[in-house]
Amino acid sequence: MAQAESIPDFESGPFAEREKLGFRFADRLHRSGAEIDDAFFDSIRAVFTDPQIIELAAVAAAFEFFTRFVDSLRIPTTPLLAR
Protein backbone atom coordinates (compact mmCIF):
# COMPACT_ATOMS: atom_id res chain seq x y z
CA MET A 1 0.00 0.00 0.00
CA ALA A 2 1.44 3.36 -0.94
CA GLN A 3 1.92 6.07 1.64
CA ALA A 4 -0.81 8.18 0.04
CA GLU A 5 -3.30 5.34 0.51
CA SER A 6 -2.43 4.57 4.12
CA ILE A 7 -1.91 8.04 5.60
CA PRO A 8 -3.02 10.73 3.17
CA ASP A 9 -0.52 13.59 3.35
CA PHE A 10 0.29 13.34 7.04
CA GLU A 11 2.58 16.36 6.74
CA SER A 12 -0.37 18.69 6.26
CA GLY A 13 -2.78 16.60 8.31
CA PRO A 14 -4.12 17.31 11.78
CA PHE A 15 -1.15 15.79 13.57
CA ALA A 16 1.17 17.28 16.17
CA GLU A 17 4.79 17.74 15.08
CA ARG A 18 5.79 14.84 17.35
CA GLU A 19 3.31 12.55 15.59
CA LYS A 20 4.54 13.68 12.18
CA LEU A 21 8.08 12.84 13.24
CA GLY A 22 6.90 9.33 14.13
CA PHE A 23 5.25 9.01 10.70
CA ARG A 24 8.48 10.22 9.06
CA PHE A 25 10.36 7.54 10.97
CA ALA A 26 7.97 4.82 9.73
CA ASP A 27 8.06 6.21 6.19
CA ARG A 28 11.87 6.17 6.10
CA LEU A 29 11.96 2.66 7.57
CA HIS A 30 9.47 1.55 4.91
CA ARG A 31 11.84 2.68 2.16
CA SER A 32 15.07 1.53 3.84
CA GLY A 33 16.58 1.36 7.29
CA ALA A 34 19.55 3.23 5.81
CA GLU A 35 17.32 6.31 5.51
CA ILE A 36 17.37 6.60 9.29
CA ASP A 37 20.76 8.28 9.26
CA ASP A 38 22.54 9.78 12.25
CA ALA A 39 21.03 13.25 11.77
CA PHE A 40 17.48 11.90 11.57
CA PHE A 41 18.06 9.57 14.51
CA ASP A 42 19.27 12.55 16.54
CA SER A 43 16.02 14.36 15.75
CA ILE A 44 14.06 11.31 16.92
CA ARG A 45 16.10 11.08 20.12
CA ALA A 46 15.40 14.72 20.89
CA VAL A 47 11.67 13.98 21.04
CA PHE A 48 11.26 10.31 21.99
CA THR A 49 12.74 8.18 24.77
CA ASP A 50 14.76 5.07 23.92
CA PRO A 51 11.83 2.74 24.78
CA GLN A 52 9.54 4.85 22.56
CA ILE A 53 12.03 4.67 19.68
CA ILE A 54 12.18 0.91 20.07
CA GLU A 55 8.38 0.77 19.99
CA LEU A 56 8.25 2.99 16.88
CA ALA A 57 10.74 0.75 15.09
CA ALA A 58 9.07 -2.48 16.23
CA VAL A 59 5.57 -1.43 15.18
CA ALA A 60 6.71 -0.03 11.81
CA ALA A 61 8.79 -3.16 11.10
CA ALA A 62 5.96 -5.48 12.18
CA PHE A 63 3.56 -3.89 9.70
CA GLU A 64 6.18 -4.25 6.97
CA PHE A 65 6.60 -7.91 7.91
CA PHE A 66 2.88 -8.74 7.96
CA THR A 67 2.19 -7.16 4.57
CA ARG A 68 5.14 -8.82 2.89
CA PHE A 69 4.42 -12.18 4.52
CA VAL A 70 0.74 -12.19 3.56
CA ASP A 71 1.31 -10.86 0.05
CA SER A 72 4.20 -13.20 -0.78
CA LEU A 73 2.29 -16.28 0.34
CA ARG A 74 -0.95 -15.10 -1.29
CA ILE A 75 -2.83 -15.47 1.97
CA PRO A 76 -6.38 -14.24 1.49
CA THR A 77 -7.42 -11.40 3.73
CA THR A 78 -10.86 -10.79 5.11
CA PRO A 79 -12.73 -8.28 2.97
CA LEU A 80 -14.24 -5.24 4.62
CA LEU A 81 -17.91 -5.56 5.47
CA ALA A 82 -20.28 -3.52 3.34
CA ARG A 83 -21.97 -0.75 5.29
C-alpha atoms as a PDB file:
ATOM      1  CA  MET A   1       0.000   0.000   0.000  1.00  0.00           C
ATOM      2  CA  ALA A   2       1.443   3.361  -0.945  1.00  0.00           C
ATOM      3  CA  GLN A   3       1.918   6.070   1.638  1.00  0.00           C
ATOM      4  CA  ALA A   4      -0.814   8.177   0.042  1.00  0.00           C
ATOM      5  CA  GLU A   5      -3.302   5.339   0.510  1.00  0.00           C
ATOM      6  CA  SER A   6      -2.429   4.565   4.123  1.00  0.00           C
ATOM      7  CA  ILE A   7      -1.913   8.042   5.596  1.00  0.00           C
ATOM      8  CA  PRO A   8      -3.023  10.731   3.170  1.00  0.00           C
ATOM      9  CA  ASP A   9      -0.523  13.591   3.351  1.00  0.00           C
ATOM     10  CA  PHE A  10       0.293  13.340   7.041  1.00  0.00           C
ATOM     11  CA  GLU A  11       2.578  16.362   6.742  1.00  0.00           C
ATOM     12  CA  SER A  12      -0.372  18.693   6.256  1.00  0.00           C
ATOM     13  CA  GLY A  13      -2.783  16.600   8.309  1.00  0.00           C
ATOM     14  CA  PRO A  14      -4.123  17.314  11.781  1.00  0.00           C
ATOM     15  CA  PHE A  15      -1.147  15.786  13.575  1.00  0.00           C
ATOM     16  CA  ALA A  16       1.166  17.284  16.171  1.00  0.00           C
ATOM     17  CA  GLU A  17       4.785  17.742  15.081  1.00  0.00           C
ATOM     18  CA  ARG A  18       5.791  14.841  17.351  1.00  0.00           C
ATOM     19  CA  GLU A  19       3.305  12.547  15.593  1.00  0.00           C
ATOM     20  CA  LYS A  20       4.542  13.681  12.177  1.00  0.00           C
ATOM     21  CA  LEU A  21       8.077  12.839  13.243  1.00  0.00           C
ATOM     22  CA  GLY A  22       6.897   9.325  14.133  1.00  0.00           C
ATOM     23  CA  PHE A  23       5.250   9.011  10.699  1.00  0.00           C
ATOM     24  CA  ARG A  24       8.478  10.219   9.064  1.00  0.00           C
ATOM     25  CA  PHE A  25      10.361   7.535  10.965  1.00  0.00           C
ATOM     26  CA  ALA A  26       7.967   4.818   9.733  1.00  0.00           C
ATOM     27  CA  ASP A  27       8.061   6.208   6.186  1.00  0.00           C
ATOM     28  CA  ARG A  28      11.866   6.168   6.103  1.00  0.00           C
ATOM     29  CA  LEU A  29      11.957   2.662   7.575  1.00  0.00           C
ATOM     30  CA  HIS A  30       9.471   1.555   4.908  1.00  0.00           C
ATOM     31  CA  ARG A  31      11.843   2.677   2.157  1.00  0.00           C
ATOM     32  CA  SER A  32      15.075   1.525   3.837  1.00  0.00           C
ATOM     33  CA  GLY A  33      16.579   1.362   7.294  1.00  0.00           C
ATOM     34  CA  ALA A  34      19.550   3.231   5.814  1.00  0.00           C
ATOM     35  CA  GLU A  35      17.318   6.308   5.512  1.00  0.00           C
ATOM     36  CA  ILE A  36      17.370   6.603   9.290  1.00  0.00           C
ATOM     37  CA  ASP A  37      20.756   8.279   9.259  1.00  0.00           C
ATOM     38  CA  ASP A  38      22.539   9.783  12.251  1.00  0.00           C
ATOM     39  CA  ALA A  39      21.034  13.250  11.774  1.00  0.00           C
ATOM     40  CA  PHE A  40      17.477  11.901  11.571  1.00  0.00           C
ATOM     41  CA  PHE A  41      18.064   9.570  14.508  1.00  0.00           C
ATOM     42  CA  ASP A  42      19.272  12.548  16.545  1.00  0.00           C
ATOM     43  CA  SER A  43      16.017  14.365  15.752  1.00  0.00           C
ATOM     44  CA  ILE A  44      14.059  11.315  16.918  1.00  0.00           C
ATOM     45  CA  ARG A  45      16.095  11.076  20.123  1.00  0.00           C
ATOM     46  CA  ALA A  46      15.403  14.724  20.888  1.00  0.00           C
ATOM     47  CA  VAL A  47      11.668  13.977  21.037  1.00  0.00           C
ATOM     48  CA  PHE A  48      11.257  10.306  21.986  1.00  0.00           C
ATOM     49  CA  THR A  49      12.744   8.183  24.770  1.00  0.00           C
ATOM     50  CA  ASP A  50      14.763   5.068  23.924  1.00  0.00           C
ATOM     51  CA  PRO A  51      11.835   2.739  24.780  1.00  0.00           C
ATOM     52  CA  GLN A  52       9.540   4.851  22.561  1.00  0.00           C
ATOM     53  CA  ILE A  53      12.026   4.675  19.685  1.00  0.00           C
ATOM     54  CA  ILE A  54      12.176   0.906  20.070  1.00  0.00           C
ATOM     55  CA  GLU A  55       8.384   0.773  19.992  1.00  0.00           C
ATOM     56  CA  LEU A  56       8.246   2.987  16.876  1.00  0.00           C
ATOM     57  CA  ALA A  57      10.743   0.749  15.090  1.00  0.00           C
ATOM     58  CA  ALA A  58       9.067  -2.480  16.226  1.00  0.00           C
ATOM     59  CA  VAL A  59       5.571  -1.425  15.176  1.00  0.00           C
ATOM     60  CA  ALA A  60       6.707  -0.033  11.808  1.00  0.00           C
ATOM     61  CA  ALA A  61       8.787  -3.156  11.105  1.00  0.00           C
ATOM     62  CA  ALA A  62       5.962  -5.476  12.176  1.00  0.00           C
ATOM     63  CA  PHE A  63       3.558  -3.887   9.704  1.00  0.00           C
ATOM     64  CA  GLU A  64       6.177  -4.247   6.968  1.00  0.00           C
ATOM     65  CA  PHE A  65       6.598  -7.913   7.911  1.00  0.00           C
ATOM     66  CA  PHE A  66       2.883  -8.739   7.963  1.00  0.00           C
ATOM     67  CA  THR A  67       2.195  -7.164   4.575  1.00  0.00           C
ATOM     68  CA  ARG A  68       5.142  -8.823   2.886  1.00  0.00           C
ATOM     69  CA  PHE A  69       4.416 -12.179   4.521  1.00  0.00           C
ATOM     70  CA  VAL A  70       0.737 -12.195   3.562  1.00  0.00           C
ATOM     71  CA  ASP A  71       1.314 -10.861   0.049  1.00  0.00           C
ATOM     72  CA  SER A  72       4.202 -13.197  -0.782  1.00  0.00           C
ATOM     73  CA  LEU A  73       2.292 -16.284   0.340  1.00  0.00           C
ATOM     74  CA  ARG A  74      -0.951 -15.099  -1.287  1.00  0.00           C
ATOM     75  CA  ILE A  75      -2.830 -15.468   1.971  1.00  0.00           C
ATOM     76  CA  PRO A  76      -6.379 -14.237   1.491  1.00  0.00           C
ATOM     77  CA  THR A  77      -7.423 -11.403   3.726  1.00  0.00           C
ATOM     78  CA  THR A  78     -10.858 -10.791   5.112  1.00  0.00           C
ATOM     79  CA  PRO A  79     -12.729  -8.280   2.968  1.00  0.00           C
ATOM     80  CA  LEU A  80     -14.243  -5.236   4.621  1.00  0.00           C
ATOM     81  CA  LEU A  81     -17.914  -5.558   5.475  1.00  0.00           C
ATOM     82  CA  ALA A  82     -20.284  -3.522   3.341  1.00  0.00           C
ATOM     83  CA  ARG A  83     -21.971  -0.752   5.289  1.00  0.00           C
END
